[in-house]
Amino acid sequence: MNKCASVVLILLAFAPAAFGQIIYRSTMPDGRTVLSDRPTPGAKKVEEIYVRPSTPAAPPASATTPAIGGANPPAQNRDAELDAAIADLRNAEGSLRAAEAARDAGQEPGENERQGMAGGGSRLNESYFDRQKALANAVDVAQKRVEAAQAKVNSLR
């Protein structure tokens, strides 16, 4: 192997440390969450998480140090936008988990959601199905919010 190819391979080996890294959050069928550098086989759900490399904290701007052009440099604005987008993604994921938990907890019919039948027994009435539809819609809305937030994070990377 020539010297140039060796240098390229070494640079590629250290590229994730220099530019960030992808971590996979895999949800297993039994509900366990596994974090890894590659997707876990047999997982029912796999999410990619981009981890930015840490940077040393910049010293605070003092009154004697004028801001460049009177505003934050573009790189700082982009980092701030990315941080806000990641925070929005985390909030959206939390909302999705809450909506899914509410949907799962709401599977059992309430006391006013059964209708008696003439021959005995009971059946589910329309209010049960309306509630199930509302819970499913809440999950769909939360999922779309997560997808939109993920797309925004990906566009800012």
C-alpha atoms as a PDB file:
ATOM      1  CA  MET A   1       0.000   0.000   0.000  1.00  0.00           C
ATOM      2  CA  ASN A   2       1.390   3.383  -0.858  1.00  0.00           C
ATOM      3  CA  LYS A   3       2.001   6.173   1.633  1.00  0.00           C
ATOM      4  CA  CYS A   4      -0.901   8.355   0.421  1.00  0.00           C
ATOM      5  CA  ALA A   5      -3.453   5.565   0.858  1.00  0.00           C
ATOM      6  CA  SER A   6      -2.153   4.893   4.376  1.00  0.00           C
ATOM      7  CA  VAL A   7      -2.615   8.539   5.321  1.00  0.00           C
ATOM      8  CA  VAL A   8      -6.174   8.539   3.943  1.00  0.00           C
ATOM      9  CA  LEU A   9      -7.061   5.399   5.911  1.00  0.00           C
ATOM     10  CA  ILE A  10      -5.672   6.898   9.116  1.00  0.00           C
ATOM     11  CA  LEU A  11      -7.638  10.117   8.565  1.00  0.00           C
ATOM     12  CA  LEU A  12     -10.818   8.153   7.915  1.00  0.00           C
ATOM     13  CA  ALA A  13     -10.291   6.160  11.104  1.00  0.00           C
ATOM     14  CA  PHE A  14     -10.195   9.352  13.178  1.00  0.00           C
ATOM     15  CA  ALA A  15     -12.899  11.241  11.228  1.00  0.00           C
ATOM     16  CA  PRO A  16     -15.758  10.427  13.639  1.00  0.00           C
ATOM     17  CA  ALA A  17     -13.782  11.895  16.545  1.00  0.00           C
ATOM     18  CA  ALA A  18     -13.080  15.080  14.600  1.00  0.00           C
ATOM     19  CA  PHE A  19     -16.478  15.638  13.009  1.00  0.00           C
ATOM     20  CA  GLY A  20     -18.924  13.963  15.382  1.00  0.00           C
ATOM     21  CA  GLN A  21     -20.311  10.487  15.587  1.00  0.00           C
ATOM     22  CA  ILE A  22     -23.498   8.561  14.942  1.00  0.00           C
ATOM     23  CA  ILE A  23     -24.869   6.515  17.846  1.00  0.00           C
ATOM     24  CA  TYR A  24     -27.723   4.067  17.371  1.00  0.00           C
ATOM     25  CA  ARG A  25     -30.494   3.797  19.966  1.00  0.00           C
ATOM     26  CA  SER A  26     -32.123   0.409  19.464  1.00  0.00           C
ATOM     27  CA  THR A  27     -35.335  -0.574  21.226  1.00  0.00           C
ATOM     28  CA  MET A  28     -35.498  -4.305  21.742  1.00  0.00           C
ATOM     29  CA  PRO A  29     -38.774  -6.303  21.618  1.00  0.00           C
ATOM     30  CA  ASP A  30     -38.735  -6.639  25.433  1.00  0.00           C
ATOM     31  CA  GLY A  31     -38.539  -2.829  25.835  1.00  0.00           C
ATOM     32  CA  ARG A  32     -34.832  -2.518  26.702  1.00  0.00           C
ATOM     33  CA  THR A  33     -32.900   0.325  25.091  1.00  0.00           C
ATOM     34  CA  VAL A  34     -29.434  -0.395  23.709  1.00  0.00           C
ATOM     35  CA  LEU A  35     -26.977   2.337  22.665  1.00  0.00           C
ATOM     36  CA  SER A  36     -24.262   1.232  20.239  1.00  0.00           C
ATOM     37  CA  ASP A  37     -22.053   2.356  17.379  1.00  0.00           C
ATOM     38  CA  ARG A  38     -24.055   0.140  15.006  1.00  0.00           C
ATOM     39  CA  PRO A  39     -27.723  -0.925  14.852  1.00  0.00           C
ATOM     40  CA  THR A  40     -28.537  -3.854  17.127  1.00  0.00           C
ATOM     41  CA  PRO A  41     -29.866  -6.911  15.231  1.00  0.00           C
ATOM     42  CA  GLY A  42     -33.403  -7.926  16.209  1.00  0.00           C
ATOM     43  CA  ALA A  43     -34.406  -4.453  17.432  1.00  0.00           C
ATOM     44  CA  LYS A  44     -37.993  -3.389  16.786  1.00  0.00           C
ATOM     45  CA  LYS A  45     -36.974   0.288  16.469  1.00  0.00           C
ATOM     46  CA  VAL A  46     -33.614   1.900  15.649  1.00  0.00           C
ATOM     47  CA  GLU A  47     -32.889   5.637  15.831  1.00  0.00           C
ATOM     48  CA  GLU A  48     -29.760   7.451  14.679  1.00  0.00           C
ATOM     49  CA  ILE A  49     -28.412  10.063  17.065  1.00  0.00           C
ATOM     50  CA  TYR A  50     -25.728  12.485  15.895  1.00  0.00           C
ATOM     51  CA  VAL A  51     -23.266  13.446  18.629  1.00  0.00           C
ATOM     52  CA  ARG A  52     -21.271  16.580  17.964  1.00  0.00           C
ATOM     53  CA  PRO A  53     -17.694  16.669  19.186  1.00  0.00           C
ATOM     54  CA  SER A  54     -17.255  18.769  22.282  1.00  0.00           C
ATOM     55  CA  THR A  55     -15.575  22.108  21.881  1.00  0.00           C
ATOM     56  CA  PRO A  56     -13.869  24.139  24.574  1.00  0.00           C
ATOM     57  CA  ALA A  57     -16.025  26.868  26.027  1.00  0.00           C
ATOM     58  CA  ALA A  58     -15.351  30.276  24.554  1.00  0.00           C
ATOM     59  CA  PRO A  59     -14.558  33.065  26.989  1.00  0.00           C
ATOM     60  CA  PRO A  60     -17.513  35.387  27.512  1.00  0.00           C
ATOM     61  CA  ALA A  61     -17.533  38.498  25.376  1.00  0.00           C
ATOM     62  CA  SER A  62     -16.554  41.445  27.523  1.00  0.00           C
ATOM     63  CA  ALA A  63     -17.597  45.018  27.137  1.00  0.00           C
ATOM     64  CA  THR A  64     -14.157  45.826  25.726  1.00  0.00           C
ATOM     65  CA  THR A  65     -14.422  43.172  22.993  1.00  0.00           C
ATOM     66  CA  PRO A  66     -16.741  44.388  20.233  1.00  0.00           C
ATOM     67  CA  ALA A  67     -18.854  41.788  18.455  1.00  0.00           C
ATOM     68  CA  ILE A  68     -17.924  41.136  14.843  1.00  0.00           C
ATOM     69  CA  GLY A  69     -20.297  43.103  12.655  1.00  0.00           C
ATOM     70  CA  GLY A  70     -22.496  43.769  15.667  1.00  0.00           C
ATOM     71  CA  ALA A  71     -23.836  40.196  15.703  1.00  0.00           C
ATOM     72  CA  ASN A  72     -22.774  36.615  16.384  1.00  0.00           C
ATOM     73  CA  PRO A  73     -20.558  35.027  13.758  1.00  0.00           C
ATOM     74  CA  PRO A  74     -22.438  32.640  11.426  1.00  0.00           C
ATOM     75  CA  ALA A  75     -20.868  29.542  12.999  1.00  0.00           C
ATOM     76  CA  GLN A  76     -22.182  30.503  16.444  1.00  0.00           C
ATOM     77  CA  ASN A  77     -25.639  31.193  15.015  1.00  0.00           C
ATOM     78  CA  ARG A  78     -25.624  27.811  13.282  1.00  0.00           C
ATOM     79  CA  ASP A  79     -24.548  26.052  16.485  1.00  0.00           C
ATOM     80  CA  ALA A  80     -27.274  27.843  18.428  1.00  0.00           C
ATOM     81  CA  GLU A  81     -29.855  26.855  15.805  1.00  0.00           C
ATOM     82  CA  LEU A  82     -28.659  23.253  15.906  1.00  0.00           C
ATOM     83  CA  ASP A  83     -28.808  23.184  19.706  1.00  0.00           C
ATOM     84  CA  ALA A  84     -32.352  24.588  19.614  1.00  0.00           C
ATOM     85  CA  ALA A  85     -33.359  22.041  16.956  1.00  0.00           C
ATOM     86  CA  ILE A  86     -31.918  19.185  19.030  1.00  0.00           C
ATOM     87  CA  ALA A  87     -33.793  20.433  22.100  1.00  0.00           C
ATOM     88  CA  ASP A  88     -36.994  20.585  20.039  1.00  0.00           C
ATOM     89  CA  LEU A  89     -36.335  17.024  18.820  1.00  0.00           C
ATOM     90  CA  ARG A  90     -35.924  15.802  22.400  1.00  0.00           C
ATOM     91  CA  ASN A  91     -39.169  17.521  23.407  1.00  0.00           C
ATOM     92  CA  ALA A  92     -40.952  16.000  20.423  1.00  0.00           C
ATOM     93  CA  GLU A  93     -39.636  12.542  21.305  1.00  0.00           C
ATOM     94  CA  GLY A  94     -40.877  13.007  24.881  1.00  0.00           C
ATOM     95  CA  SER A  95     -44.298  14.022  23.571  1.00  0.00           C
ATOM     96  CA  LEU A  96     -44.357  10.956  21.339  1.00  0.00           C
ATOM     97  CA  ARG A  97     -43.501   8.653  24.253  1.00  0.00           C
ATOM     98  CA  ALA A  98     -46.242  10.287  26.346  1.00  0.00           C
ATOM     99  CA  ALA A  99     -48.792   9.929  23.537  1.00  0.00           C
ATOM    100  CA  GLU A 100     -47.851   6.282  23.020  1.00  0.00           C
ATOM    101  CA  ALA A 101     -48.122   5.621  26.759  1.00  0.00           C
ATOM    102  CA  ALA A 102     -51.553   7.289  26.875  1.00  0.00           C
ATOM    103  CA  ARG A 103     -52.688   5.230  23.886  1.00  0.00           C
ATOM    104  CA  ASP A 104     -51.448   2.007  25.463  1.00  0.00           C
ATOM    105  CA  ALA A 105     -53.003   2.846  28.836  1.00  0.00           C
ATOM    106  CA  GLY A 106     -56.291   3.759  27.162  1.00  0.00           C
ATOM    107  CA  GLN A 107     -56.902   0.355  25.599  1.00  0.00           C
ATOM    108  CA  GLU A 108     -59.149  -0.740  28.456  1.00  0.00           C
ATOM    109  CA  PRO A 109     -62.707   0.597  28.087  1.00  0.00           C
ATOM    110  CA  GLY A 110     -63.991   3.092  30.660  1.00  0.00           C
ATOM    111  CA  GLU A 111     -67.119   2.565  32.716  1.00  0.00           C
ATOM    112  CA  ASN A 112     -69.322   4.570  30.327  1.00  0.00           C
ATOM    113  CA  GLU A 113     -67.918   2.976  27.182  1.00  0.00           C
ATOM    114  CA  ARG A 114     -69.905  -0.250  27.266  1.00  0.00           C
ATOM    115  CA  GLN A 115     -73.500  -0.690  26.231  1.00  0.00           C
ATOM    116  CA  GLY A 116     -75.697  -3.447  27.610  1.00  0.00           C
ATOM    117  CA  MET A 117     -77.307  -5.887  25.231  1.00  0.00           C
ATOM    118  CA  ALA A 118     -80.812  -7.369  25.472  1.00  0.00           C
ATOM    119  CA  GLY A 119     -79.592 -10.958  25.778  1.00  0.00           C
ATOM    120  CA  GLY A 120     -77.066 -10.086  28.489  1.00  0.00           C
ATOM    121  CA  GLY A 121     -73.445  -9.065  28.164  1.00  0.00           C
ATOM    122  CA  SER A 122     -72.276  -5.813  26.704  1.00  0.00           C
ATOM    123  CA  ARG A 123     -70.490  -4.316  23.741  1.00  0.00           C
ATOM    124  CA  LEU A 124     -68.274  -1.306  23.239  1.00  0.00           C
ATOM    125  CA  ASN A 125     -70.080   1.886  22.254  1.00  0.00           C
ATOM    126  CA  GLU A 126     -69.061   4.741  19.957  1.00  0.00           C
ATOM    127  CA  SER A 127     -67.444   6.821  22.706  1.00  0.00           C
ATOM    128  CA  TYR A 128     -64.820   4.085  23.201  1.00  0.00           C
ATOM    129  CA  PHE A 129     -63.969   4.050  19.504  1.00  0.00           C
ATOM    130  CA  ASP A 130     -63.921   7.860  19.349  1.00  0.00           C
ATOM    131  CA  ARG A 131     -61.490   7.948  22.275  1.00  0.00           C
ATOM    132  CA  GLN A 132     -59.273   5.300  20.629  1.00  0.00           C
ATOM    133  CA  LYS A 133     -59.251   7.316  17.413  1.00  0.00           C
ATOM    134  CA  ALA A 134     -58.288  10.494  19.301  1.00  0.00           C
ATOM    135  CA  LEU A 135     -55.441   8.667  21.076  1.00  0.00           C
ATOM    136  CA  ALA A 136     -54.184   7.251  17.766  1.00  0.00           C
ATOM    137  CA  ASN A 137     -54.361  10.715  16.170  1.00  0.00           C
ATOM    138  CA  ALA A 138     -52.336  12.168  19.056  1.00  0.00           C
ATOM    139  CA  VAL A 139     -49.632   9.559  18.406  1.00  0.00           C
ATOM    140  CA  ASP A 140     -49.659  10.357  14.672  1.00  0.00           C
ATOM    141  CA  VAL A 141     -49.313  14.099  15.329  1.00  0.00           C
ATOM    142  CA  ALA A 142     -46.467  13.490  17.774  1.00  0.00           C
ATOM    143  CA  GLN A 143     -44.736  11.178  15.268  1.00  0.00           C
ATOM    144  CA  LYS A 144     -44.976  13.839  12.543  1.00  0.00           C
ATOM    145  CA  ARG A 145     -43.533  16.409  14.961  1.00  0.00           C
ATOM    146  CA  VAL A 146     -40.583  14.076  15.676  1.00  0.00           C
ATOM    147  CA  GLU A 147     -40.015  13.533  11.950  1.00  0.00           C
ATOM    148  CA  ALA A 148     -40.101  17.285  11.262  1.00  0.00           C
ATOM    149  CA  ALA A 149     -37.707  17.995  14.133  1.00  0.00           C
ATOM    150  CA  GLN A 150     -35.352  15.232  12.949  1.00  0.00           C
ATOM    151  CA  ALA A 151     -35.419  16.681   9.423  1.00  0.00           C
ATOM    152  CA  LYS A 152     -34.544  20.124  10.797  1.00  0.00           C
ATOM    153  CA  VAL A 153     -31.646  18.708  12.829  1.00  0.00           C
ATOM    154  CA  ASN A 154     -30.388  16.825   9.778  1.00  0.00           C
ATOM    155  CA  SER A 155     -30.608  19.956   7.610  1.00  0.00           C
ATOM    156  CA  LEU A 156     -28.548  21.952  10.119  1.00  0.00           C
ATOM    157  CA  ARG A 157     -25.752  19.391  10.363  1.00  0.00           C
END
